[in-house]
Amino acid sequence: MFEEFKEEVTVNKLADKVNDLLVRFEEIKEQNDRLRQEVVTLKAQNEAKNIQIQKLEEDLVNKSMESDDIFSKIEEVLKR
């Protein structure tokens, strides 16, 4: 009788541990899903920032060329 009780306690402990593991697994799975979604969001934001940076770099190059043109015209006027 004592052995049966001991086995029952062991099985109950094992069942509790399995249930705890299943709960923890679901929590980690949900966390993983949230993190995946966050990665997708951050990648999209990063791409938007890269596009914005690229546009600003192009604007900078254009402004630099415009200023070079203006300085060239000023030099021509001053040489006269």
N, C-alpha and C. Protein backbone atom coordinates (compact mmCIF):
# COMPACT_ATOMS: atom_id res chain seq x y z
N MET A 1 0.81 -1.19 0.00
CA MET A 1 0.00 0.00 0.00
C MET A 1 0.86 1.26 0.00
N PHE A 2 1.93 1.26 0.79
CA PHE A 2 2.83 2.40 0.84
C PHE A 2 3.49 2.63 -0.52
N GLU A 3 3.85 1.53 -1.20
CA GLU A 3 4.48 1.64 -2.52
C GLU A 3 3.52 2.25 -3.53
N GLU A 4 2.26 1.88 -3.49
CA GLU A 4 1.26 2.46 -4.39
C GLU A 4 1.11 3.95 -4.14
N PHE A 5 1.08 4.34 -2.87
CA PHE A 5 0.98 5.75 -2.52
C PHE A 5 2.20 6.52 -3.01
N LYS A 6 3.37 5.92 -2.84
CA LYS A 6 4.62 6.54 -3.28
C LYS A 6 4.62 6.71 -4.79
N GLU A 7 4.16 5.69 -5.51
CA GLU A 7 4.10 5.77 -6.98
C GLU A 7 3.10 6.84 -7.41
N GLU A 8 1.96 6.92 -6.71
CA GLU A 8 0.95 7.91 -7.04
C GLU A 8 1.49 9.32 -6.82
N VAL A 9 2.22 9.52 -5.73
CA VAL A 9 2.82 10.83 -5.45
C VAL A 9 3.84 11.17 -6.54
N THR A 10 4.63 10.19 -6.94
CA THR A 10 5.64 10.40 -7.98
C THR A 10 4.96 10.75 -9.31
N VAL A 11 3.91 10.03 -9.65
CA VAL A 11 3.18 10.30 -10.90
C VAL A 11 2.55 11.69 -10.84
N ASN A 12 1.99 12.05 -9.70
CA ASN A 12 1.40 13.39 -9.56
C ASN A 12 2.45 14.49 -9.70
N LYS A 13 3.60 14.27 -9.09
CA LYS A 13 4.69 15.25 -9.21
C LYS A 13 5.12 15.38 -10.67
N LEU A 14 5.24 14.24 -11.33
CA LEU A 14 5.64 14.24 -12.74
C LEU A 14 4.59 14.95 -13.58
N ALA A 15 3.32 14.67 -13.33
CA ALA A 15 2.24 15.32 -14.06
C ALA A 15 2.28 16.84 -13.84
N ASP A 16 2.53 17.26 -12.60
CA ASP A 16 2.62 18.68 -12.30
C ASP A 16 3.79 19.32 -13.06
N LYS A 17 4.90 18.64 -13.10
CA LYS A 17 6.07 19.19 -13.81
C LYS A 17 5.80 19.28 -15.31
N VAL A 18 5.14 18.27 -15.86
CA VAL A 18 4.80 18.30 -17.28
C VAL A 18 3.84 19.46 -17.56
N ASN A 19 2.86 19.64 -16.70
CA ASN A 19 1.94 20.77 -16.87
C ASN A 19 2.66 22.10 -16.78
N ASP A 20 3.57 22.22 -15.83
CA ASP A 20 4.37 23.44 -15.71
C ASP A 20 5.18 23.69 -16.98
N LEU A 21 5.76 22.62 -17.52
CA LEU A 21 6.54 22.75 -18.75
C LEU A 21 5.66 23.18 -19.92
N LEU A 22 4.46 22.64 -20.00
CA LEU A 22 3.55 23.02 -21.07
C LEU A 22 3.13 24.48 -20.96
N VAL A 23 2.88 24.93 -19.74
CA VAL A 23 2.53 26.34 -19.53
C VAL A 23 3.70 27.22 -19.93
N ARG A 24 4.89 26.86 -19.49
CA ARG A 24 6.09 27.64 -19.82
C ARG A 24 6.35 27.64 -21.33
N PHE A 25 6.12 26.49 -21.96
CA PHE A 25 6.29 26.38 -23.41
C PHE A 25 5.36 27.35 -24.13
N GLU A 26 4.10 27.41 -23.71
CA GLU A 26 3.14 28.31 -24.34
C GLU A 26 3.54 29.77 -24.12
N GLU A 27 4.02 30.08 -22.92
CA GLU A 27 4.47 31.45 -22.64
C GLU A 27 5.64 31.83 -23.55
N ILE A 28 6.58 30.93 -23.68
CA ILE A 28 7.75 31.20 -24.52
C ILE A 28 7.35 31.29 -25.99
N LYS A 29 6.42 30.46 -26.39
CA LYS A 29 5.94 30.49 -27.77
C LYS A 29 5.27 31.85 -28.07
N GLU A 30 4.46 32.34 -27.14
CA GLU A 30 3.82 33.65 -27.31
C GLU A 30 4.87 34.76 -27.34
N GLN A 31 5.86 34.66 -26.46
CA GLN A 31 6.93 35.65 -26.44
C GLN A 31 7.69 35.63 -27.76
N ASN A 32 7.95 34.45 -28.26
CA ASN A 32 8.65 34.30 -29.53
C ASN A 32 7.85 34.95 -30.67
N ASP A 33 6.53 34.74 -30.67
CA ASP A 33 5.69 35.35 -31.69
C ASP A 33 5.73 36.87 -31.60
N ARG A 34 5.68 37.39 -30.37
CA ARG A 34 5.76 38.85 -30.19
C ARG A 34 7.11 39.38 -30.68
N LEU A 35 8.17 38.66 -30.37
CA LEU A 35 9.50 39.11 -30.80
C LEU A 35 9.64 39.05 -32.32
N ARG A 36 9.09 38.02 -32.93
CA ARG A 36 9.12 37.94 -34.39
C ARG A 36 8.40 39.13 -35.01
N GLN A 37 7.23 39.47 -34.46
CA GLN A 37 6.48 40.61 -34.97
C GLN A 37 7.26 41.91 -34.77
N GLU A 38 7.93 42.01 -33.64
CA GLU A 38 8.74 43.20 -33.38
C GLU A 38 9.89 43.30 -34.37
N VAL A 39 10.50 42.17 -34.69
CA VAL A 39 11.59 42.16 -35.68
C VAL A 39 11.07 42.62 -37.04
N VAL A 40 9.90 42.14 -37.43
CA VAL A 40 9.31 42.55 -38.71
C VAL A 40 9.07 44.06 -38.71
N THR A 41 8.51 44.56 -37.61
CA THR A 41 8.24 46.00 -37.51
C THR A 41 9.53 46.80 -37.57
N LEU A 42 10.55 46.36 -36.83
CA LEU A 42 11.82 47.08 -36.82
C LEU A 42 12.51 47.04 -38.17
N LYS A 43 12.40 45.91 -38.87
CA LYS A 43 12.98 45.84 -40.22
C LYS A 43 12.30 46.83 -41.16
N ALA A 44 10.98 46.94 -41.05
CA ALA A 44 10.24 47.90 -41.89
C ALA A 44 10.65 49.33 -41.55
N GLN A 45 10.78 49.62 -40.26
CA GLN A 45 11.21 50.96 -39.85
C GLN A 45 12.62 51.24 -40.35
N ASN A 46 13.49 50.24 -40.26
CA ASN A 46 14.86 50.40 -40.72
C ASN A 46 14.90 50.69 -42.22
N GLU A 47 14.09 49.97 -42.97
CA GLU A 47 14.04 50.19 -44.42
C GLU A 47 13.55 51.60 -44.73
N ALA A 48 12.53 52.06 -43.99
CA ALA A 48 12.02 53.42 -44.19
C ALA A 48 13.11 54.44 -43.88
N LYS A 49 13.86 54.21 -42.81
CA LYS A 49 14.95 55.13 -42.46
C LYS A 49 16.04 55.12 -43.53
N ASN A 50 16.35 53.93 -44.05
CA ASN A 50 17.36 53.85 -45.11
C ASN A 50 16.93 54.62 -46.35
N ILE A 51 15.65 54.52 -46.69
CA ILE A 51 15.13 55.27 -47.84
C ILE A 51 15.23 56.77 -47.57
N GLN A 52 14.88 57.16 -46.36
CA GLN A 52 14.96 58.58 -45.99
C GLN A 52 16.41 59.07 -46.04
N ILE A 53 17.33 58.29 -45.54
CA ILE A 53 18.76 58.66 -45.57
C ILE A 53 19.24 58.79 -47.01
N GLN A 54 18.85 57.82 -47.84
CA GLN A 54 19.25 57.86 -49.24
C GLN A 54 18.74 59.12 -49.93
N LYS A 55 17.49 59.50 -49.65
CA LYS A 55 16.93 60.71 -50.24
C LYS A 55 17.69 61.95 -49.76
N LEU A 56 18.01 61.98 -48.46
CA LEU A 56 18.75 63.12 -47.93
C LEU A 56 20.15 63.20 -48.52
N GLU A 57 20.78 62.05 -48.74
CA GLU A 57 22.11 62.05 -49.36
C GLU A 57 22.03 62.57 -50.80
N GLU A 58 20.99 62.17 -51.52
CA GLU A 58 20.81 62.68 -52.88
C GLU A 58 20.56 64.18 -52.87
N ASP A 59 19.74 64.65 -51.93
CA ASP A 59 19.50 66.09 -51.79
C ASP A 59 20.80 66.84 -51.50
N LEU A 60 21.63 66.26 -50.65
CA LEU A 60 22.90 66.88 -50.30
C LEU A 60 23.81 66.99 -51.53
N VAL A 61 23.86 65.92 -52.31
CA VAL A 61 24.68 65.95 -53.54
C VAL A 61 24.15 67.02 -54.49
N ASN A 62 22.83 67.10 -54.64
CA ASN A 62 22.24 68.11 -55.53
C ASN A 62 22.54 69.52 -55.03
N LYS A 63 22.43 69.73 -53.72
CA LYS A 63 22.71 71.07 -53.15
C LYS A 63 24.18 71.42 -53.34
N SER A 64 25.03 70.42 -53.18
CA SER A 64 26.46 70.66 -53.37
C SER A 64 26.75 71.06 -54.81
N MET A 65 26.11 70.37 -55.74
CA MET A 65 26.32 70.72 -57.17
C MET A 65 25.76 72.11 -57.45
N GLU A 66 24.63 72.45 -56.87
CA GLU A 66 24.05 73.78 -57.06
C GLU A 66 24.99 74.86 -56.51
N SER A 67 25.54 74.61 -55.32
CA SER A 67 26.44 75.61 -54.74
C SER A 67 27.71 75.74 -55.57
N ASP A 68 28.20 74.61 -56.11
CA ASP A 68 29.38 74.68 -56.98
C ASP A 68 29.07 75.52 -58.22
N ASP A 69 27.89 75.34 -58.78
CA ASP A 69 27.48 76.13 -59.95
C ASP A 69 27.42 77.62 -59.61
N ILE A 70 26.85 77.93 -58.45
CA ILE A 70 26.73 79.33 -58.04
C ILE A 70 28.11 79.94 -57.83
N PHE A 71 29.02 79.20 -57.18
CA PHE A 71 30.38 79.71 -56.97
C PHE A 71 31.10 79.91 -58.30
N SER A 72 30.87 79.02 -59.24
CA SER A 72 31.49 79.18 -60.56
C SER A 72 31.00 80.44 -61.24
N LYS A 73 29.71 80.69 -61.14
CA LYS A 73 29.14 81.90 -61.75
C LYS A 73 29.68 83.15 -61.07
N ILE A 74 29.80 83.10 -59.75
CA ILE A 74 30.35 84.24 -59.01
C ILE A 74 31.79 84.50 -59.44
N GLU A 75 32.58 83.43 -59.57
CA GLU A 75 33.97 83.59 -60.01
C GLU A 75 34.03 84.20 -61.41
N GLU A 76 33.13 83.77 -62.30
CA GLU A 76 33.11 84.35 -63.65
C GLU A 76 32.80 85.83 -63.61
N VAL A 77 31.85 86.20 -62.76
CA VAL A 77 31.48 87.61 -62.66
C VAL A 77 32.63 88.42 -62.08
N LEU A 78 33.32 87.88 -61.10
CA LEU A 78 34.42 88.61 -60.48
C LEU A 78 35.64 88.73 -61.40
N LYS A 79 35.79 87.82 -62.32
CA LYS A 79 36.94 87.86 -63.26
C LYS A 79 36.74 88.94 -64.31
N ARG A 80 35.55 89.40 -64.52
CA ARG A 80 35.29 90.39 -65.57
C ARG A 80 35.76 91.74 -65.22
